[in-house]
Amino acid sequence: MSEKEARRSGGPSRAGVVTVGDVQELMRRKEEIEAQIQANYDVLESQKGVGMNEPLVDLEGYPRSDVDLYQVRTARHNIICLQNDHKAVMKQVEEALHQLHARDKEKQARDMAEAHKEAMSHKVGQSERHSPLQAFAKVNSISPGSPASIAGLQVDDEIVEFGSVNTHNFQSLQNIGSVVQHSEG
């Protein structure tokens, strides 16, 4: 097995669950490859500034005698191979990050569904007990044309529930602001 194949097979398995550690390992490999690429560019720079595209023959078509042709050709070859390896590792990093974020998004959706279910069961439990709902806020003023005005709120109305905010979990008006912010659109 070549070194390139060994690197590729060393990535996270597609069937397995990707962890943050897997992404960190891929990032470490990416940084190693970048360091090797830079080292090869340094070799080219040490050869009188010969880069990736400068000709290795003189004006008469003979090999240049002022540079080590073998070293330049080897460095150029290594750079090209390492750039391909870099692209492959970056693709693995991208896929791993997509999997991590997708899993986190699914977890967040499950948590939200569970919180909603719990809130609904709490609401049902409250209505079964026939306990009077307590207000946690009182409307002091309404701006004309505001969403509150359009919804029909009036001065001195008492708020007993706003989205998921109620007397049991209300701490400040920022709670209401975050509910509105998450409900936009």
N, C-alpha and C. Protein backbone atom coordinates (compact mmCIF):
# COMPACT_ATOMS: atom_id res chain seq x y z
N MET A 1 0.85 -1.17 0.00
CA MET A 1 0.00 0.00 0.00
C MET A 1 0.89 1.24 0.00
N SER A 2 0.60 2.20 -0.88
CA SER A 2 1.41 3.40 -0.96
C SER A 2 1.11 4.31 0.23
N GLU A 3 1.98 5.30 0.43
CA GLU A 3 1.78 6.24 1.54
C GLU A 3 0.49 7.03 1.33
N LYS A 4 0.22 7.36 0.08
CA LYS A 4 -0.99 8.11 -0.24
C LYS A 4 -2.24 7.31 0.12
N GLU A 5 -2.26 6.03 -0.23
CA GLU A 5 -3.41 5.18 0.09
C GLU A 5 -3.55 5.00 1.59
N ALA A 6 -2.42 4.89 2.28
CA ALA A 6 -2.47 4.73 3.73
C ALA A 6 -3.07 5.97 4.38
N ARG A 7 -2.72 7.15 3.84
CA ARG A 7 -3.29 8.38 4.37
C ARG A 7 -4.79 8.42 4.16
N ARG A 8 -5.21 8.05 2.95
CA ARG A 8 -6.64 8.10 2.64
C ARG A 8 -7.42 7.13 3.48
N SER A 9 -6.89 5.93 3.69
CA SER A 9 -7.63 4.93 4.47
C SER A 9 -7.61 5.25 5.95
N GLY A 10 -6.74 6.16 6.37
CA GLY A 10 -6.64 6.50 7.79
C GLY A 10 -7.72 7.46 8.25
N GLY A 11 -8.57 7.95 7.33
CA GLY A 11 -9.60 8.89 7.69
C GLY A 11 -10.75 8.20 8.40
N PRO A 12 -11.71 8.99 8.86
CA PRO A 12 -12.86 8.40 9.55
C PRO A 12 -13.67 7.55 8.60
N SER A 13 -14.19 6.46 9.10
CA SER A 13 -14.98 5.57 8.25
C SER A 13 -16.31 6.24 7.92
N ARG A 14 -16.79 6.01 6.72
CA ARG A 14 -18.05 6.64 6.30
C ARG A 14 -19.23 6.04 7.06
N ALA A 15 -19.14 4.76 7.41
CA ALA A 15 -20.24 4.11 8.11
C ALA A 15 -20.26 4.49 9.58
N GLY A 16 -19.08 4.79 10.16
CA GLY A 16 -18.99 5.09 11.58
C GLY A 16 -19.43 6.51 11.90
N VAL A 17 -19.55 6.78 13.18
CA VAL A 17 -19.94 8.10 13.64
C VAL A 17 -18.68 8.95 13.76
N VAL A 18 -18.72 10.13 13.17
CA VAL A 18 -17.60 11.06 13.21
C VAL A 18 -17.61 11.80 14.54
N THR A 19 -16.44 11.91 15.14
CA THR A 19 -16.32 12.62 16.40
C THR A 19 -15.48 13.86 16.21
N VAL A 20 -15.48 14.73 17.21
CA VAL A 20 -14.65 15.92 17.17
C VAL A 20 -13.18 15.51 17.10
N GLY A 21 -12.82 14.43 17.77
CA GLY A 21 -11.44 13.92 17.72
C GLY A 21 -11.03 13.55 16.31
N ASP A 22 -11.96 12.96 15.54
CA ASP A 22 -11.66 12.63 14.15
C ASP A 22 -11.36 13.89 13.34
N VAL A 23 -12.15 14.92 13.55
CA VAL A 23 -11.94 16.18 12.83
C VAL A 23 -10.61 16.79 13.24
N GLN A 24 -10.28 16.73 14.52
CA GLN A 24 -9.00 17.27 14.98
C GLN A 24 -7.83 16.50 14.38
N GLU A 25 -7.95 15.19 14.26
CA GLU A 25 -6.91 14.38 13.63
C GLU A 25 -6.75 14.75 12.16
N LEU A 26 -7.86 14.95 11.46
CA LEU A 26 -7.79 15.37 10.06
C LEU A 26 -7.13 16.75 9.94
N MET A 27 -7.45 17.64 10.86
CA MET A 27 -6.84 18.97 10.83
C MET A 27 -5.34 18.88 11.10
N ARG A 28 -4.93 17.98 11.99
CA ARG A 28 -3.51 17.79 12.26
C ARG A 28 -2.80 17.28 11.00
N ARG A 29 -3.44 16.32 10.30
CA ARG A 29 -2.87 15.80 9.06
C ARG A 29 -2.78 16.89 8.00
N LYS A 30 -3.80 17.74 7.93
CA LYS A 30 -3.80 18.85 6.98
C LYS A 30 -2.62 19.78 7.26
N GLU A 31 -2.39 20.09 8.52
CA GLU A 31 -1.28 20.98 8.89
C GLU A 31 0.07 20.34 8.57
N GLU A 32 0.19 19.02 8.76
CA GLU A 32 1.43 18.33 8.40
C GLU A 32 1.69 18.44 6.90
N ILE A 33 0.66 18.22 6.10
CA ILE A 33 0.80 18.30 4.65
C ILE A 33 1.19 19.72 4.25
N GLU A 34 0.56 20.72 4.85
CA GLU A 34 0.90 22.11 4.53
C GLU A 34 2.34 22.41 4.89
N ALA A 35 2.83 21.86 6.01
CA ALA A 35 4.23 22.07 6.40
C ALA A 35 5.17 21.41 5.38
N GLN A 36 4.81 20.22 4.89
CA GLN A 36 5.64 19.54 3.89
C GLN A 36 5.64 20.32 2.58
N ILE A 37 4.49 20.86 2.20
CA ILE A 37 4.42 21.67 0.98
C ILE A 37 5.33 22.89 1.12
N GLN A 38 5.26 23.55 2.27
CA GLN A 38 6.10 24.73 2.50
C GLN A 38 7.58 24.37 2.47
N ALA A 39 7.93 23.22 3.03
CA ALA A 39 9.34 22.79 3.02
C ALA A 39 9.82 22.59 1.58
N ASN A 40 8.97 22.03 0.73
CA ASN A 40 9.35 21.84 -0.67
C ASN A 40 9.43 23.17 -1.42
N TYR A 41 8.57 24.10 -1.10
CA TYR A 41 8.67 25.44 -1.69
C TYR A 41 9.97 26.11 -1.24
N ASP A 42 10.38 25.88 0.01
CA ASP A 42 11.65 26.42 0.49
C ASP A 42 12.82 25.85 -0.30
N VAL A 43 12.73 24.57 -0.66
CA VAL A 43 13.79 23.95 -1.49
C VAL A 43 13.85 24.66 -2.84
N LEU A 44 12.70 24.91 -3.44
CA LEU A 44 12.68 25.62 -4.72
C LEU A 44 13.26 27.02 -4.59
N GLU A 45 12.91 27.69 -3.50
CA GLU A 45 13.42 29.05 -3.27
C GLU A 45 14.94 29.04 -3.08
N SER A 46 15.46 27.99 -2.46
CA SER A 46 16.91 27.90 -2.25
C SER A 46 17.67 27.67 -3.56
N GLN A 47 16.98 27.23 -4.58
CA GLN A 47 17.59 27.00 -5.89
C GLN A 47 17.43 28.24 -6.77
N LYS A 48 17.98 29.34 -6.31
CA LYS A 48 17.97 30.62 -7.04
C LYS A 48 16.55 31.07 -7.39
N GLY A 49 15.61 30.79 -6.48
CA GLY A 49 14.24 31.27 -6.67
C GLY A 49 13.47 30.56 -7.76
N VAL A 50 13.88 29.36 -8.13
CA VAL A 50 13.15 28.61 -9.13
C VAL A 50 11.83 28.19 -8.51
N GLY A 51 10.75 28.54 -9.16
CA GLY A 51 9.43 28.18 -8.65
C GLY A 51 8.89 26.96 -9.36
N MET A 52 7.59 26.89 -9.43
CA MET A 52 6.91 25.75 -10.05
C MET A 52 6.91 25.82 -11.57
N ASN A 53 7.03 27.02 -12.14
CA ASN A 53 6.84 27.16 -13.58
C ASN A 53 8.06 27.66 -14.35
N GLU A 54 9.12 28.07 -13.66
CA GLU A 54 10.28 28.60 -14.36
C GLU A 54 10.94 27.48 -15.17
N PRO A 55 11.46 27.81 -16.35
CA PRO A 55 12.11 26.78 -17.19
C PRO A 55 13.40 26.26 -16.56
N LEU A 56 13.65 24.99 -16.81
CA LEU A 56 14.86 24.37 -16.29
C LEU A 56 15.93 24.23 -17.37
N VAL A 57 15.69 24.90 -18.49
CA VAL A 57 16.69 24.92 -19.57
C VAL A 57 17.04 26.37 -19.85
N ASP A 58 18.26 26.57 -20.39
CA ASP A 58 18.67 27.94 -20.72
C ASP A 58 18.13 28.34 -22.08
N LEU A 59 18.53 29.51 -22.55
CA LEU A 59 18.03 30.03 -23.81
C LEU A 59 18.40 29.15 -25.01
N GLU A 60 19.46 28.38 -24.87
CA GLU A 60 19.90 27.52 -25.96
C GLU A 60 19.28 26.13 -25.88
N GLY A 61 18.46 25.88 -24.83
CA GLY A 61 17.79 24.59 -24.70
C GLY A 61 18.55 23.56 -23.89
N TYR A 62 19.68 23.97 -23.29
CA TYR A 62 20.46 23.05 -22.47
C TYR A 62 19.99 23.13 -21.01
N PRO A 63 20.13 22.04 -20.25
CA PRO A 63 19.76 22.08 -18.83
C PRO A 63 20.55 23.17 -18.10
N ARG A 64 19.87 23.86 -17.23
CA ARG A 64 20.53 24.93 -16.47
C ARG A 64 21.59 24.33 -15.56
N SER A 65 22.73 24.98 -15.52
CA SER A 65 23.83 24.49 -14.69
C SER A 65 23.88 25.18 -13.33
N ASP A 66 23.08 26.23 -13.16
CA ASP A 66 23.11 26.98 -11.90
C ASP A 66 22.15 26.45 -10.84
N VAL A 67 21.37 25.42 -11.16
CA VAL A 67 20.46 24.83 -10.18
C VAL A 67 20.61 23.32 -10.18
N ASP A 68 20.24 22.70 -9.07
CA ASP A 68 20.24 21.24 -8.96
C ASP A 68 18.92 20.75 -9.55
N LEU A 69 18.97 20.32 -10.80
CA LEU A 69 17.76 19.93 -11.52
C LEU A 69 17.01 18.80 -10.83
N TYR A 70 17.74 17.82 -10.32
CA TYR A 70 17.11 16.68 -9.66
C TYR A 70 16.33 17.16 -8.44
N GLN A 71 16.94 18.03 -7.66
CA GLN A 71 16.29 18.54 -6.45
C GLN A 71 15.05 19.37 -6.81
N VAL A 72 15.15 20.19 -7.85
CA VAL A 72 14.01 21.02 -8.26
C VAL A 72 12.87 20.14 -8.77
N ARG A 73 13.18 19.17 -9.63
CA ARG A 73 12.14 18.29 -10.18
C ARG A 73 11.48 17.48 -9.06
N THR A 74 12.29 16.99 -8.12
CA THR A 74 11.74 16.22 -7.00
C THR A 74 10.83 17.09 -6.14
N ALA A 75 11.27 18.32 -5.85
CA ALA A 75 10.46 19.23 -5.03
C ALA A 75 9.15 19.56 -5.74
N ARG A 76 9.21 19.82 -7.05
CA ARG A 76 7.99 20.12 -7.81
C ARG A 76 7.03 18.93 -7.78
N HIS A 77 7.58 17.74 -7.99
CA HIS A 77 6.76 16.53 -7.96
C HIS A 77 6.10 16.36 -6.59
N ASN A 78 6.90 16.53 -5.53
CA ASN A 78 6.36 16.38 -4.17
C ASN A 78 5.26 17.40 -3.89
N ILE A 79 5.45 18.63 -4.36
CA ILE A 79 4.45 19.67 -4.13
C ILE A 79 3.13 19.28 -4.80
N ILE A 80 3.21 18.81 -6.03
CA ILE A 80 1.99 18.42 -6.75
C ILE A 80 1.29 17.27 -6.04
N CYS A 81 2.04 16.27 -5.63
CA CYS A 81 1.44 15.12 -4.91
C CYS A 81 0.84 15.57 -3.59
N LEU A 82 1.56 16.40 -2.85
CA LEU A 82 1.07 16.87 -1.55
C LEU A 82 -0.17 17.76 -1.71
N GLN A 83 -0.22 18.54 -2.77
CA GLN A 83 -1.42 19.36 -3.00
C GLN A 83 -2.64 18.47 -3.25
N ASN A 84 -2.44 17.36 -3.97
CA ASN A 84 -3.54 16.41 -4.17
C ASN A 84 -3.96 15.78 -2.84
N ASP A 85 -2.97 15.42 -2.02
CA ASP A 85 -3.28 14.86 -0.70
C ASP A 85 -4.03 15.90 0.15
N HIS A 86 -3.60 17.15 0.04
CA HIS A 86 -4.24 18.24 0.79
C HIS A 86 -5.71 18.37 0.39
N LYS A 87 -5.98 18.32 -0.91
CA LYS A 87 -7.37 18.39 -1.38
C LYS A 87 -8.20 17.24 -0.82
N ALA A 88 -7.62 16.04 -0.81
CA ALA A 88 -8.34 14.87 -0.30
C ALA A 88 -8.64 15.02 1.19
N VAL A 89 -7.67 15.50 1.96
CA VAL A 89 -7.88 15.68 3.41
C VAL A 89 -8.91 16.77 3.65
N MET A 90 -8.86 17.84 2.87
CA MET A 90 -9.83 18.92 3.04
C MET A 90 -11.24 18.43 2.73
N LYS A 91 -11.37 17.55 1.74
CA LYS A 91 -12.69 16.97 1.43
C LYS A 91 -13.17 16.12 2.62
N GLN A 92 -12.26 15.35 3.22
CA GLN A 92 -12.63 14.54 4.39
C GLN A 92 -13.04 15.44 5.55
N VAL A 93 -12.32 16.55 5.75
CA VAL A 93 -12.66 17.50 6.81
C VAL A 93 -14.06 18.06 6.57
N GLU A 94 -14.32 18.45 5.32
CA GLU A 94 -15.62 19.01 4.98
C GLU A 94 -16.74 18.00 5.27
N GLU A 95 -16.56 16.76 4.83
CA GLU A 95 -17.57 15.73 5.05
C GLU A 95 -17.77 15.47 6.54
N ALA A 96 -16.66 15.42 7.28
CA ALA A 96 -16.75 15.17 8.72
C ALA A 96 -17.49 16.31 9.42
N LEU A 97 -17.20 17.55 9.03
CA LEU A 97 -17.88 18.69 9.64
C LEU A 97 -19.37 18.68 9.30
N HIS A 98 -19.69 18.32 8.06
CA HIS A 98 -21.11 18.22 7.69
C HIS A 98 -21.81 17.18 8.56
N GLN A 99 -21.16 16.03 8.76
CA GLN A 99 -21.77 14.98 9.58
C GLN A 99 -21.94 15.45 11.03
N LEU A 100 -20.91 16.11 11.57
CA LEU A 100 -20.99 16.60 12.95
C LEU A 100 -22.14 17.60 13.10
N HIS A 101 -22.22 18.55 12.18
CA HIS A 101 -23.26 19.57 12.29
C HIS A 101 -24.65 18.99 12.06
N ALA A 102 -24.75 18.03 11.15
CA ALA A 102 -26.05 17.38 10.91
C ALA A 102 -26.50 16.64 12.17
N ARG A 103 -25.56 15.94 12.81
CA ARG A 103 -25.90 15.22 14.04
C ARG A 103 -26.31 16.19 15.14
N ASP A 104 -25.59 17.33 15.26
CA ASP A 104 -25.94 18.33 16.27
C ASP A 104 -27.31 18.94 15.97
N LYS A 105 -27.60 19.16 14.69
CA LYS A 105 -28.90 19.73 14.31
C LYS A 105 -30.02 18.75 14.65
N GLU A 106 -29.80 17.46 14.39
CA GLU A 106 -30.80 16.44 14.74
C GLU A 106 -31.01 16.40 16.25
N LYS A 107 -29.92 16.48 17.00
CA LYS A 107 -30.02 16.45 18.46
C LYS A 107 -30.79 17.67 18.96
N GLN A 108 -30.52 18.83 18.37
CA GLN A 108 -31.23 20.04 18.77
C GLN A 108 -32.72 19.91 18.47
N ALA A 109 -33.05 19.34 17.31
CA ALA A 109 -34.46 19.15 16.95
C ALA A 109 -35.14 18.19 17.92
N ARG A 110 -34.43 17.10 18.29
CA ARG A 110 -35.00 16.16 19.27
C ARG A 110 -35.21 16.85 20.61
N ASP A 111 -34.23 17.67 21.04
CA ASP A 111 -34.35 18.37 22.31
C ASP A 111 -35.53 19.35 22.29
N MET A 112 -35.68 20.05 21.16
CA MET A 112 -36.80 20.99 21.05
C MET A 112 -38.13 20.25 21.09
N ALA A 113 -38.21 19.11 20.39
CA ALA A 113 -39.45 18.33 20.39
C ALA A 113 -39.76 17.82 21.79
N GLU A 114 -38.72 17.38 22.49
CA GLU A 114 -38.90 16.88 23.85
C GLU A 114 -39.35 18.01 24.78
N ALA A 115 -38.74 19.20 24.63
CA ALA A 115 -39.13 20.34 25.46
C ALA A 115 -40.58 20.74 25.16
N HIS A 116 -40.95 20.71 23.89
CA HIS A 116 -42.33 21.05 23.51
C HIS A 116 -43.30 20.04 24.10
N LYS A 117 -42.93 18.76 24.00
CA LYS A 117 -43.78 17.69 24.54
C LYS A 117 -43.93 17.86 26.05
N GLU A 118 -42.83 18.18 26.72
CA GLU A 118 -42.86 18.38 28.17
C GLU A 118 -43.72 19.59 28.51
N ALA A 119 -43.59 20.66 27.71
CA ALA A 119 -44.40 21.85 27.96
C ALA A 119 -45.88 21.55 27.76
N MET A 120 -46.19 20.78 26.73
CA MET A 120 -47.59 20.42 26.48
C MET A 120 -48.14 19.56 27.60
N SER A 121 -47.35 18.59 28.08
CA SER A 121 -47.82 17.74 29.17
C SER A 121 -47.98 18.57 30.45
N HIS A 122 -47.09 19.57 30.62
CA HIS A 122 -47.20 20.45 31.78
C HIS A 122 -48.47 21.29 31.68
N LYS A 123 -48.78 21.75 30.45
CA LYS A 123 -49.97 22.55 30.22
C LYS A 123 -51.22 21.71 30.50
N VAL A 124 -51.21 20.45 30.03
CA VAL A 124 -52.34 19.55 30.26
C VAL A 124 -52.48 19.30 31.76
N GLY A 125 -51.36 19.10 32.43
CA GLY A 125 -51.40 18.88 33.88
C GLY A 125 -51.98 20.07 34.61
N GLN A 126 -51.65 21.27 34.14
CA GLN A 126 -52.18 22.48 34.77
C GLN A 126 -53.68 22.57 34.57
N SER A 127 -54.13 22.30 33.34
CA SER A 127 -55.56 22.43 33.08
C SER A 127 -56.36 21.37 33.83
N GLU A 128 -55.75 20.19 34.04
CA GLU A 128 -56.44 19.14 34.79
C GLU A 128 -56.61 19.53 36.25
N ARG A 129 -55.66 20.28 36.77
CA ARG A 129 -55.73 20.68 38.18
C ARG A 129 -56.67 21.88 38.36
N HIS A 130 -57.06 22.49 37.25
CA HIS A 130 -57.94 23.67 37.26
C HIS A 130 -57.36 24.79 38.10
N SER A 131 -56.07 24.90 38.13
CA SER A 131 -55.46 25.99 38.88
C SER A 131 -55.52 27.25 38.03
N PRO A 132 -55.82 28.38 38.63
CA PRO A 132 -55.91 29.62 37.85
C PRO A 132 -54.51 30.00 37.33
N LEU A 133 -54.48 30.46 36.08
CA LEU A 133 -53.21 30.86 35.49
C LEU A 133 -52.79 32.21 36.07
N GLN A 134 -51.53 32.32 36.40
CA GLN A 134 -51.01 33.56 36.97
C GLN A 134 -50.29 34.35 35.89
N ALA A 135 -50.47 35.63 35.92
CA ALA A 135 -49.80 36.50 34.95
C ALA A 135 -48.37 36.76 35.40
N PHE A 136 -47.47 36.87 34.43
CA PHE A 136 -46.08 37.20 34.76
C PHE A 136 -45.70 38.57 34.22
N ALA A 137 -46.60 39.18 33.43
CA ALA A 137 -46.33 40.51 32.90
C ALA A 137 -47.66 41.25 32.67
N LYS A 138 -47.58 42.58 32.69
CA LYS A 138 -48.76 43.41 32.45
C LYS A 138 -48.40 44.43 31.38
N VAL A 139 -49.30 44.63 30.41
CA VAL A 139 -49.05 45.54 29.29
C VAL A 139 -49.23 46.97 29.78
N ASN A 140 -48.16 47.79 29.64
CA ASN A 140 -48.21 49.19 30.05
C ASN A 140 -48.55 50.11 28.89
N SER A 141 -48.07 49.77 27.69
CA SER A 141 -48.35 50.63 26.54
C SER A 141 -48.28 49.81 25.27
N ILE A 142 -48.97 50.30 24.23
CA ILE A 142 -49.00 49.65 22.92
C ILE A 142 -48.67 50.70 21.88
N SER A 143 -47.72 50.41 21.01
CA SER A 143 -47.39 51.33 19.91
C SER A 143 -48.36 51.08 18.77
N PRO A 144 -48.93 52.14 18.21
CA PRO A 144 -49.87 51.98 17.09
C PRO A 144 -49.17 51.31 15.90
N GLY A 145 -49.83 50.34 15.31
CA GLY A 145 -49.28 49.64 14.14
C GLY A 145 -48.27 48.56 14.49
N SER A 146 -47.96 48.35 15.77
CA SER A 146 -47.00 47.32 16.17
C SER A 146 -47.66 45.94 16.09
N PRO A 147 -46.87 44.87 16.08
CA PRO A 147 -47.44 43.53 16.08
C PRO A 147 -48.39 43.30 17.26
N ALA A 148 -48.07 43.88 18.42
CA ALA A 148 -48.94 43.73 19.59
C ALA A 148 -50.28 44.41 19.34
N SER A 149 -50.25 45.59 18.73
CA SER A 149 -51.48 46.32 18.42
C SER A 149 -52.31 45.55 17.40
N ILE A 150 -51.64 45.02 16.37
CA ILE A 150 -52.33 44.24 15.35
C ILE A 150 -52.96 42.98 15.95
N ALA A 151 -52.25 42.38 16.93
CA ALA A 151 -52.76 41.16 17.57
C ALA A 151 -53.93 41.45 18.51
N GLY A 152 -54.18 42.73 18.84
CA GLY A 152 -55.33 43.07 19.67
C GLY A 152 -54.99 43.26 21.15
N LEU A 153 -53.70 43.32 21.49
CA LEU A 153 -53.34 43.57 22.89
C LEU A 153 -53.75 44.99 23.27
N GLN A 154 -54.14 45.13 24.54
CA GLN A 154 -54.55 46.44 25.04
C GLN A 154 -53.83 46.72 26.34
N VAL A 155 -53.77 48.00 26.68
CA VAL A 155 -53.14 48.41 27.94
C VAL A 155 -53.86 47.73 29.10
N ASP A 156 -53.10 47.29 30.09
CA ASP A 156 -53.55 46.59 31.30
C ASP A 156 -53.89 45.11 31.07
N ASP A 157 -53.68 44.61 29.83
CA ASP A 157 -53.81 43.16 29.62
C ASP A 157 -52.71 42.46 30.40
N GLU A 158 -53.03 41.29 30.92
CA GLU A 158 -52.03 40.51 31.66
C GLU A 158 -51.60 39.33 30.80
N ILE A 159 -50.29 39.08 30.79
CA ILE A 159 -49.72 38.00 29.98
C ILE A 159 -49.51 36.79 30.89
N VAL A 160 -50.17 35.68 30.56
CA VAL A 160 -50.02 34.46 31.35
C VAL A 160 -49.10 33.46 30.65
N GLU A 161 -48.97 33.61 29.31
CA GLU A 161 -48.09 32.71 28.57
C GLU A 161 -47.73 33.38 27.25
N PHE A 162 -46.44 33.30 26.88
CA PHE A 162 -45.97 33.85 25.61
C PHE A 162 -45.07 32.80 24.97
N GLY A 163 -45.59 32.06 24.00
CA GLY A 163 -44.82 30.95 23.42
C GLY A 163 -44.57 29.91 24.49
N SER A 164 -43.31 29.64 24.77
CA SER A 164 -42.97 28.66 25.80
C SER A 164 -42.72 29.32 27.16
N VAL A 165 -42.83 30.65 27.23
CA VAL A 165 -42.58 31.37 28.48
C VAL A 165 -43.88 31.45 29.27
N ASN A 166 -43.79 31.07 30.56
CA ASN A 166 -44.94 31.17 31.46
C ASN A 166 -44.43 31.53 32.85
N THR A 167 -45.30 31.53 33.83
CA THR A 167 -44.90 31.94 35.18
C THR A 167 -43.84 31.04 35.77
N HIS A 168 -43.77 29.79 35.33
CA HIS A 168 -42.81 28.85 35.92
C HIS A 168 -41.39 29.07 35.42
N ASN A 169 -41.23 29.59 34.19
CA ASN A 169 -39.87 29.74 33.67
C ASN A 169 -39.51 31.18 33.32
N PHE A 170 -40.39 32.14 33.58
CA PHE A 170 -40.12 33.55 33.28
C PHE A 170 -39.09 34.09 34.25
N GLN A 171 -38.05 34.74 33.69
CA GLN A 171 -37.03 35.37 34.54
C GLN A 171 -36.93 36.86 34.24
N SER A 172 -36.97 37.21 32.93
CA SER A 172 -36.91 38.62 32.55
C SER A 172 -37.53 38.77 31.16
N LEU A 173 -37.67 40.00 30.70
CA LEU A 173 -38.24 40.25 29.38
C LEU A 173 -37.34 39.71 28.27
N GLN A 174 -36.11 39.43 28.60
CA GLN A 174 -35.21 38.83 27.60
C GLN A 174 -35.71 37.45 27.19
N ASN A 175 -36.40 36.74 28.08
CA ASN A 175 -36.99 35.45 27.72
C ASN A 175 -37.96 35.62 26.55
N ILE A 176 -38.79 36.64 26.63
CA ILE A 176 -39.76 36.90 25.56
C ILE A 176 -39.03 37.29 24.29
N GLY A 177 -38.01 38.13 24.41
CA GLY A 177 -37.23 38.54 23.25
C GLY A 177 -36.60 37.36 22.54
N SER A 178 -36.09 36.38 23.29
CA SER A 178 -35.47 35.23 22.64
C SER A 178 -36.52 34.34 21.97
N VAL A 179 -37.72 34.25 22.53
CA VAL A 179 -38.79 33.48 21.89
C VAL A 179 -39.15 34.14 20.57
N VAL A 180 -39.29 35.48 20.58
CA VAL A 180 -39.62 36.21 19.34
C VAL A 180 -38.51 36.02 18.31
N GLN A 181 -37.27 36.14 18.76
CA GLN A 181 -36.13 36.01 17.84
C GLN A 181 -36.09 34.63 17.20
N HIS A 182 -36.36 33.58 17.95
CA HIS A 182 -36.33 32.22 17.42
C HIS A 182 -37.56 31.91 16.58
N SER A 183 -38.59 32.75 16.66
CA SER A 183 -39.83 32.49 15.92
C SER A 183 -39.94 33.34 14.66
N GLU A 184 -38.96 34.17 14.39
CA GLU A 184 -39.02 35.02 13.19
C GLU A 184 -39.10 34.16 11.95
N GLY A 185 -39.86 34.64 10.98
CA GLY A 185 -39.97 33.93 9.71
C GLY A 185 -41.04 32.89 9.76
